Amino acid sequence: MLSHHLEGALKDLRDLIEITELDIVDIKEAKHDSQFNRISLKEEKLKAFESKKAMIDSEISSLMTTYPDKDLPSLLNDEQHKSLEELKDELSNLREVNKKYAKFVLSISHLYNTFLERLVPTEMQGYNKVASKNPSILEVRV
């Protein structure tokens, strides 16, 4: 059963990496709608991965409880060791892809915030930003 959960978790991680790479391509081309459409899919994959990871943890804990005199490496077969190593590698890959995506998101966010600040000047009132009293670009003349 552990091998099954490991393979499922690997598939979920690879899917998350693929989706995030699509997001990177789309953010470069300003295709925001397709990114927003994938949010629910990413959330599903993330929840599925977390569930499988919890099952993996449970299976390993059960093995160690059943065989308290053995260490973990001796309880797992070669396929399971390989899957755990792949899981570690894919988690690292996901981290790198997410860092790359986050850089784009922060840059785009900063750009939009700068444009907005120039279009609608704001001032701080306590902890809240509010439009200043004379946003000249928003004047309407009839």
N, C-alpha and C. Protein backbone atom coordinates (compact mmCIF):
# COMPACT_ATOMS: atom_id res chain seq x y z
N MET A 1 0.82 -1.19 0.00
CA MET A 1 0.00 0.00 0.00
C MET A 1 0.87 1.26 0.00
N LEU A 2 2.00 1.21 0.68
CA LEU A 2 2.92 2.35 0.72
C LEU A 2 3.38 2.72 -0.69
N SER A 3 3.72 1.73 -1.49
CA SER A 3 4.18 2.00 -2.86
C SER A 3 3.10 2.71 -3.66
N HIS A 4 1.86 2.30 -3.48
CA HIS A 4 0.73 2.92 -4.19
C HIS A 4 0.61 4.40 -3.81
N HIS A 5 0.69 4.70 -2.53
CA HIS A 5 0.59 6.10 -2.07
C HIS A 5 1.78 6.92 -2.56
N LEU A 6 2.96 6.32 -2.58
CA LEU A 6 4.14 7.02 -3.08
C LEU A 6 3.99 7.38 -4.55
N GLU A 7 3.51 6.44 -5.35
CA GLU A 7 3.32 6.70 -6.78
C GLU A 7 2.27 7.78 -7.01
N GLY A 8 1.19 7.73 -6.24
CA GLY A 8 0.15 8.75 -6.35
C GLY A 8 0.66 10.12 -5.98
N ALA A 9 1.45 10.20 -4.93
CA ALA A 9 2.02 11.48 -4.50
C ALA A 9 2.98 12.03 -5.56
N LEU A 10 3.76 11.15 -6.15
CA LEU A 10 4.68 11.56 -7.22
C LEU A 10 3.91 12.13 -8.40
N LYS A 11 2.83 11.47 -8.78
CA LYS A 11 2.02 11.96 -9.90
C LYS A 11 1.43 13.33 -9.59
N ASP A 12 0.92 13.51 -8.37
CA ASP A 12 0.36 14.80 -7.98
C ASP A 12 1.43 15.90 -8.03
N LEU A 13 2.62 15.60 -7.54
CA LEU A 13 3.71 16.59 -7.57
C LEU A 13 4.08 16.96 -9.00
N ARG A 14 4.18 15.95 -9.84
CA ARG A 14 4.54 16.22 -11.24
C ARG A 14 3.46 17.04 -11.93
N ASP A 15 2.21 16.76 -11.61
CA ASP A 15 1.10 17.55 -12.16
C ASP A 15 1.18 19.00 -11.68
N LEU A 16 1.47 19.20 -10.39
CA LEU A 16 1.62 20.55 -9.86
C LEU A 16 2.75 21.31 -10.54
N ILE A 17 3.84 20.63 -10.79
CA ILE A 17 4.98 21.26 -11.48
C ILE A 17 4.57 21.65 -12.89
N GLU A 18 3.89 20.75 -13.59
CA GLU A 18 3.45 21.03 -14.96
C GLU A 18 2.48 22.22 -15.00
N ILE A 19 1.55 22.26 -14.08
CA ILE A 19 0.58 23.36 -14.03
C ILE A 19 1.29 24.67 -13.74
N THR A 20 2.23 24.66 -12.83
CA THR A 20 2.96 25.88 -12.49
C THR A 20 3.81 26.35 -13.67
N GLU A 21 4.39 25.41 -14.41
CA GLU A 21 5.15 25.79 -15.60
C GLU A 21 4.24 26.41 -16.65
N LEU A 22 3.02 25.90 -16.77
CA LEU A 22 2.03 26.52 -17.68
C LEU A 22 1.71 27.94 -17.20
N ASP A 23 1.60 28.11 -15.89
CA ASP A 23 1.34 29.44 -15.33
C ASP A 23 2.46 30.41 -15.67
N ILE A 24 3.69 29.93 -15.64
CA ILE A 24 4.83 30.78 -15.97
C ILE A 24 4.76 31.23 -17.42
N VAL A 25 4.45 30.31 -18.31
CA VAL A 25 4.31 30.65 -19.73
C VAL A 25 3.19 31.67 -19.91
N ASP A 26 2.07 31.43 -19.24
CA ASP A 26 0.92 32.32 -19.40
C ASP A 26 1.15 33.69 -18.78
N ILE A 27 1.85 33.77 -17.67
CA ILE A 27 2.09 35.08 -17.05
C ILE A 27 3.02 35.92 -17.94
N LYS A 28 3.92 35.26 -18.64
CA LYS A 28 4.81 35.98 -19.56
C LYS A 28 4.02 36.56 -20.73
N GLU A 29 2.93 35.89 -21.11
CA GLU A 29 2.11 36.33 -22.24
C GLU A 29 0.86 37.08 -21.78
N ALA A 30 0.78 37.40 -20.50
CA ALA A 30 -0.36 38.12 -19.91
C ALA A 30 -1.68 37.40 -20.13
N LYS A 31 -1.66 36.09 -20.09
CA LYS A 31 -2.89 35.29 -20.20
C LYS A 31 -3.36 34.95 -18.79
N HIS A 32 -3.90 35.94 -18.12
CA HIS A 32 -4.26 35.78 -16.72
C HIS A 32 -5.49 34.89 -16.52
N ASP A 33 -6.42 34.94 -17.47
CA ASP A 33 -7.63 34.12 -17.32
C ASP A 33 -7.31 32.64 -17.24
N SER A 34 -6.38 32.17 -18.08
CA SER A 34 -6.04 30.75 -18.03
C SER A 34 -5.37 30.38 -16.71
N GLN A 35 -4.61 31.30 -16.15
CA GLN A 35 -4.01 31.05 -14.84
C GLN A 35 -5.09 30.95 -13.77
N PHE A 36 -6.03 31.88 -13.81
CA PHE A 36 -7.11 31.87 -12.82
C PHE A 36 -7.96 30.61 -12.96
N ASN A 37 -8.15 30.14 -14.20
CA ASN A 37 -8.94 28.92 -14.42
C ASN A 37 -8.27 27.68 -13.85
N ARG A 38 -6.95 27.71 -13.71
CA ARG A 38 -6.22 26.55 -13.18
C ARG A 38 -6.10 26.56 -11.66
N ILE A 39 -6.53 27.61 -11.01
CA ILE A 39 -6.37 27.70 -9.56
C ILE A 39 -7.06 26.54 -8.86
N SER A 40 -8.30 26.24 -9.24
CA SER A 40 -9.03 25.16 -8.57
C SER A 40 -8.35 23.81 -8.82
N LEU A 41 -7.81 23.62 -10.02
CA LEU A 41 -7.09 22.38 -10.32
C LEU A 41 -5.84 22.25 -9.44
N LYS A 42 -5.12 23.36 -9.28
CA LYS A 42 -3.93 23.34 -8.42
C LYS A 42 -4.31 23.03 -6.97
N GLU A 43 -5.41 23.63 -6.51
CA GLU A 43 -5.86 23.37 -5.14
C GLU A 43 -6.23 21.90 -4.95
N GLU A 44 -6.91 21.32 -5.96
CA GLU A 44 -7.27 19.90 -5.89
C GLU A 44 -6.03 19.02 -5.81
N LYS A 45 -5.06 19.31 -6.68
CA LYS A 45 -3.82 18.52 -6.70
C LYS A 45 -3.06 18.66 -5.40
N LEU A 46 -3.05 19.86 -4.85
CA LEU A 46 -2.35 20.09 -3.58
C LEU A 46 -3.01 19.32 -2.45
N LYS A 47 -4.35 19.36 -2.39
CA LYS A 47 -5.06 18.60 -1.36
C LYS A 47 -4.85 17.11 -1.53
N ALA A 48 -4.86 16.64 -2.78
CA ALA A 48 -4.63 15.21 -3.05
C ALA A 48 -3.23 14.81 -2.60
N PHE A 49 -2.24 15.67 -2.88
CA PHE A 49 -0.88 15.36 -2.47
C PHE A 49 -0.78 15.31 -0.94
N GLU A 50 -1.36 16.29 -0.28
CA GLU A 50 -1.31 16.33 1.18
C GLU A 50 -1.97 15.09 1.78
N SER A 51 -3.06 14.66 1.19
CA SER A 51 -3.75 13.45 1.66
C SER A 51 -2.87 12.22 1.49
N LYS A 52 -2.25 12.11 0.32
CA LYS A 52 -1.37 10.96 0.07
C LYS A 52 -0.15 10.99 0.97
N LYS A 53 0.36 12.18 1.22
CA LYS A 53 1.52 12.30 2.10
C LYS A 53 1.15 11.85 3.52
N ALA A 54 -0.04 12.23 3.95
CA ALA A 54 -0.51 11.79 5.28
C ALA A 54 -0.63 10.27 5.33
N MET A 55 -1.09 9.66 4.24
CA MET A 55 -1.20 8.20 4.19
C MET A 55 0.19 7.55 4.19
N ILE A 56 1.13 8.18 3.49
CA ILE A 56 2.51 7.68 3.48
C ILE A 56 3.07 7.72 4.89
N ASP A 57 2.89 8.84 5.57
CA ASP A 57 3.36 8.99 6.95
C ASP A 57 2.74 7.92 7.85
N SER A 58 1.45 7.69 7.66
CA SER A 58 0.74 6.70 8.46
C SER A 58 1.28 5.29 8.20
N GLU A 59 1.51 4.97 6.93
CA GLU A 59 2.04 3.64 6.57
C GLU A 59 3.43 3.43 7.17
N ILE A 60 4.27 4.45 7.07
CA ILE A 60 5.63 4.33 7.61
C ILE A 60 5.58 4.22 9.13
N SER A 61 4.73 5.01 9.75
CA SER A 61 4.58 4.93 11.20
C SER A 61 4.09 3.54 11.61
N SER A 62 3.16 3.00 10.88
CA SER A 62 2.64 1.66 11.15
C SER A 62 3.73 0.60 11.03
N LEU A 63 4.54 0.72 9.99
CA LEU A 63 5.65 -0.22 9.81
C LEU A 63 6.63 -0.15 10.98
N MET A 64 6.94 1.06 11.40
CA MET A 64 7.91 1.22 12.48
C MET A 64 7.34 0.73 13.82
N THR A 65 6.02 0.87 13.99
CA THR A 65 5.38 0.37 15.21
C THR A 65 5.34 -1.16 15.21
N THR A 66 5.08 -1.72 14.03
CA THR A 66 5.01 -3.18 13.90
C THR A 66 6.38 -3.83 14.10
N TYR A 67 7.42 -3.17 13.59
CA TYR A 67 8.78 -3.70 13.70
C TYR A 67 9.68 -2.69 14.42
N PRO A 68 9.51 -2.54 15.73
CA PRO A 68 10.26 -1.51 16.46
C PRO A 68 11.76 -1.79 16.54
N ASP A 69 12.17 -3.02 16.35
CA ASP A 69 13.58 -3.36 16.46
C ASP A 69 14.35 -3.12 15.16
N LYS A 70 13.66 -2.74 14.08
CA LYS A 70 14.33 -2.50 12.79
C LYS A 70 14.33 -1.00 12.47
N ASP A 71 15.35 -0.59 11.73
CA ASP A 71 15.38 0.80 11.30
C ASP A 71 14.62 0.93 9.98
N LEU A 72 14.21 2.13 9.64
CA LEU A 72 13.35 2.37 8.49
C LEU A 72 13.95 1.86 7.17
N PRO A 73 15.21 2.13 6.87
CA PRO A 73 15.74 1.65 5.59
C PRO A 73 15.60 0.13 5.40
N SER A 74 15.69 -0.62 6.46
CA SER A 74 15.56 -2.07 6.32
C SER A 74 14.10 -2.52 6.16
N LEU A 75 13.15 -1.64 6.47
CA LEU A 75 11.73 -1.98 6.34
C LEU A 75 11.20 -1.73 4.93
N LEU A 76 11.90 -0.93 4.16
CA LEU A 76 11.44 -0.57 2.82
C LEU A 76 12.17 -1.35 1.75
N ASN A 77 11.47 -1.66 0.66
CA ASN A 77 12.13 -2.36 -0.45
C ASN A 77 12.79 -1.34 -1.38
N ASP A 78 13.50 -1.83 -2.37
CA ASP A 78 14.25 -0.94 -3.27
C ASP A 78 13.33 0.02 -4.03
N GLU A 79 12.17 -0.47 -4.43
CA GLU A 79 11.22 0.38 -5.16
C GLU A 79 10.74 1.52 -4.27
N GLN A 80 10.47 1.24 -3.02
CA GLN A 80 10.02 2.27 -2.10
C GLN A 80 11.11 3.29 -1.81
N HIS A 81 12.36 2.81 -1.68
CA HIS A 81 13.49 3.73 -1.50
C HIS A 81 13.61 4.65 -2.71
N LYS A 82 13.49 4.07 -3.88
CA LYS A 82 13.60 4.85 -5.12
C LYS A 82 12.47 5.88 -5.19
N SER A 83 11.26 5.47 -4.84
CA SER A 83 10.11 6.39 -4.87
C SER A 83 10.28 7.53 -3.87
N LEU A 84 10.79 7.23 -2.69
CA LEU A 84 11.04 8.28 -1.70
C LEU A 84 12.09 9.27 -2.19
N GLU A 85 13.11 8.76 -2.87
CA GLU A 85 14.15 9.63 -3.43
C GLU A 85 13.56 10.51 -4.53
N GLU A 86 12.73 9.92 -5.38
CA GLU A 86 12.07 10.69 -6.44
C GLU A 86 11.14 11.74 -5.83
N LEU A 87 10.46 11.38 -4.77
CA LEU A 87 9.56 12.31 -4.09
C LEU A 87 10.36 13.52 -3.58
N LYS A 88 11.50 13.24 -3.01
CA LYS A 88 12.36 14.31 -2.52
C LYS A 88 12.81 15.21 -3.68
N ASP A 89 13.21 14.59 -4.79
CA ASP A 89 13.65 15.36 -5.96
C ASP A 89 12.53 16.21 -6.54
N GLU A 90 11.33 15.62 -6.64
CA GLU A 90 10.19 16.36 -7.20
C GLU A 90 9.75 17.50 -6.29
N LEU A 91 9.85 17.31 -4.98
CA LEU A 91 9.55 18.40 -4.06
C LEU A 91 10.53 19.55 -4.26
N SER A 92 11.78 19.22 -4.48
CA SER A 92 12.80 20.23 -4.75
C SER A 92 12.50 20.94 -6.07
N ASN A 93 12.10 20.16 -7.09
CA ASN A 93 11.75 20.76 -8.39
C ASN A 93 10.55 21.70 -8.24
N LEU A 94 9.55 21.27 -7.49
CA LEU A 94 8.37 22.11 -7.28
C LEU A 94 8.76 23.41 -6.58
N ARG A 95 9.63 23.30 -5.61
CA ARG A 95 10.09 24.49 -4.88
C ARG A 95 10.75 25.48 -5.84
N GLU A 96 11.59 24.98 -6.73
CA GLU A 96 12.30 25.86 -7.68
C GLU A 96 11.33 26.49 -8.67
N VAL A 97 10.40 25.70 -9.19
CA VAL A 97 9.41 26.23 -10.14
C VAL A 97 8.53 27.27 -9.45
N ASN A 98 8.14 27.01 -8.20
CA ASN A 98 7.32 27.98 -7.46
C ASN A 98 8.09 29.27 -7.19
N LYS A 99 9.39 29.17 -6.91
CA LYS A 99 10.20 30.37 -6.70
C LYS A 99 10.25 31.21 -7.98
N LYS A 100 10.41 30.53 -9.11
CA LYS A 100 10.46 31.22 -10.40
C LYS A 100 9.12 31.91 -10.67
N TYR A 101 8.03 31.20 -10.44
CA TYR A 101 6.69 31.75 -10.65
C TYR A 101 6.45 32.93 -9.70
N ALA A 102 6.87 32.80 -8.46
CA ALA A 102 6.67 33.86 -7.48
C ALA A 102 7.38 35.15 -7.89
N LYS A 103 8.55 35.02 -8.51
CA LYS A 103 9.27 36.21 -8.98
C LYS A 103 8.45 36.96 -10.03
N PHE A 104 7.85 36.19 -10.96
CA PHE A 104 7.00 36.82 -11.97
C PHE A 104 5.78 37.47 -11.33
N VAL A 105 5.14 36.77 -10.41
CA VAL A 105 3.95 37.29 -9.75
C VAL A 105 4.27 38.59 -9.01
N LEU A 106 5.38 38.61 -8.29
CA LEU A 106 5.75 39.82 -7.56
C LEU A 106 6.06 40.98 -8.49
N SER A 107 6.73 40.68 -9.60
CA SER A 107 7.05 41.73 -10.57
C SER A 107 5.79 42.31 -11.18
N ILE A 108 4.88 41.44 -11.59
CA ILE A 108 3.62 41.90 -12.20
C ILE A 108 2.79 42.67 -11.17
N SER A 109 2.75 42.17 -9.95
CA SER A 109 2.00 42.85 -8.89
C SER A 109 2.56 44.25 -8.65
N HIS A 110 3.87 44.35 -8.60
CA HIS A 110 4.51 45.65 -8.39
C HIS A 110 4.18 46.59 -9.55
N LEU A 111 4.23 46.06 -10.77
CA LEU A 111 3.92 46.87 -11.94
C LEU A 111 2.49 47.41 -11.88
N TYR A 112 1.52 46.53 -11.61
CA TYR A 112 0.12 46.95 -11.51
C TYR A 112 -0.08 47.96 -10.37
N ASN A 113 0.54 47.70 -9.24
CA ASN A 113 0.39 48.63 -8.11
C ASN A 113 0.98 49.99 -8.43
N THR A 114 2.10 50.01 -9.16
CA THR A 114 2.71 51.28 -9.55
C THR A 114 1.81 52.04 -10.51
N PHE A 115 1.25 51.32 -11.50
CA PHE A 115 0.32 51.96 -12.43
C PHE A 115 -0.89 52.52 -11.69
N LEU A 116 -1.44 51.73 -10.80
CA LEU A 116 -2.62 52.17 -10.05
C LEU A 116 -2.30 53.39 -9.21
N GLU A 117 -1.14 53.39 -8.57
CA GLU A 117 -0.75 54.52 -7.73
C GLU A 117 -0.60 55.79 -8.58
N ARG A 118 -0.12 55.63 -9.80
CA ARG A 118 0.03 56.82 -10.68
C ARG A 118 -1.33 57.29 -11.20
N LEU A 119 -2.23 56.35 -11.45
CA LEU A 119 -3.56 56.73 -11.95
C LEU A 119 -4.44 57.30 -10.86
N VAL A 120 -4.41 56.66 -9.71
CA VAL A 120 -5.25 57.08 -8.58
C VAL A 120 -4.34 57.26 -7.38
N PRO A 121 -3.81 58.45 -7.22
CA PRO A 121 -2.91 58.68 -6.08
C PRO A 121 -3.62 58.38 -4.75
N THR A 122 -2.89 57.78 -3.84
CA THR A 122 -3.47 57.43 -2.55
C THR A 122 -2.66 58.03 -1.43
N GLU A 123 -3.29 58.10 -0.28
CA GLU A 123 -2.59 58.54 0.91
C GLU A 123 -3.01 57.63 2.05
N MET A 124 -2.19 57.55 3.05
CA MET A 124 -2.48 56.69 4.19
C MET A 124 -3.36 57.42 5.20
N GLN A 125 -4.41 56.75 5.63
CA GLN A 125 -5.24 57.22 6.74
C GLN A 125 -5.23 56.10 7.76
N GLY A 126 -4.35 56.23 8.71
CA GLY A 126 -4.13 55.14 9.65
C GLY A 126 -3.43 54.01 8.92
N TYR A 127 -4.05 52.83 8.91
CA TYR A 127 -3.47 51.68 8.23
C TYR A 127 -4.08 51.46 6.85
N ASN A 128 -5.00 52.33 6.44
CA ASN A 128 -5.71 52.16 5.18
C ASN A 128 -5.21 53.15 4.14
N LYS A 129 -5.09 52.67 2.90
CA LYS A 129 -4.79 53.55 1.79
C LYS A 129 -6.11 54.00 1.19
N VAL A 130 -6.25 55.29 0.99
CA VAL A 130 -7.47 55.82 0.38
C VAL A 130 -7.07 56.78 -0.73
N ALA A 131 -7.97 56.93 -1.70
CA ALA A 131 -7.71 57.85 -2.80
C ALA A 131 -7.58 59.26 -2.25
N SER A 132 -6.58 59.97 -2.74
CA SER A 132 -6.42 61.34 -2.28
C SER A 132 -7.57 62.19 -2.82
N LYS A 133 -7.71 63.36 -2.30
CA LYS A 133 -8.89 64.18 -2.60
C LYS A 133 -8.92 64.68 -4.03
N ASN A 134 -7.78 64.81 -4.68
CA ASN A 134 -7.76 65.39 -6.02
C ASN A 134 -7.09 64.48 -7.05
N PRO A 135 -7.67 63.35 -7.35
CA PRO A 135 -7.07 62.53 -8.41
C PRO A 135 -7.40 63.14 -9.78
N SER A 136 -6.50 63.94 -10.30
CA SER A 136 -6.77 64.75 -11.48
C SER A 136 -7.14 63.91 -12.71
N ILE A 137 -6.63 62.74 -12.83
CA ILE A 137 -6.95 61.92 -14.00
C ILE A 137 -8.40 61.47 -14.02
N LEU A 138 -9.03 61.48 -12.86
CA LEU A 138 -10.41 61.00 -12.78
C LEU A 138 -11.43 62.11 -12.91
N GLU A 139 -10.97 63.32 -13.15
CA GLU A 139 -11.92 64.42 -13.32
C GLU A 139 -12.70 64.22 -14.60
N VAL A 140 -13.97 64.48 -14.51
CA VAL A 140 -14.83 64.39 -15.69
C VAL A 140 -15.35 65.77 -15.99
N ARG A 141 -15.13 66.19 -17.23
CA ARG A 141 -15.60 67.52 -17.62
C ARG A 141 -16.64 67.34 -18.72
N VAL A 142 -17.74 68.07 -18.55
CA VAL A 142 -18.82 67.95 -19.53
C VAL A 142 -18.90 69.20 -20.36
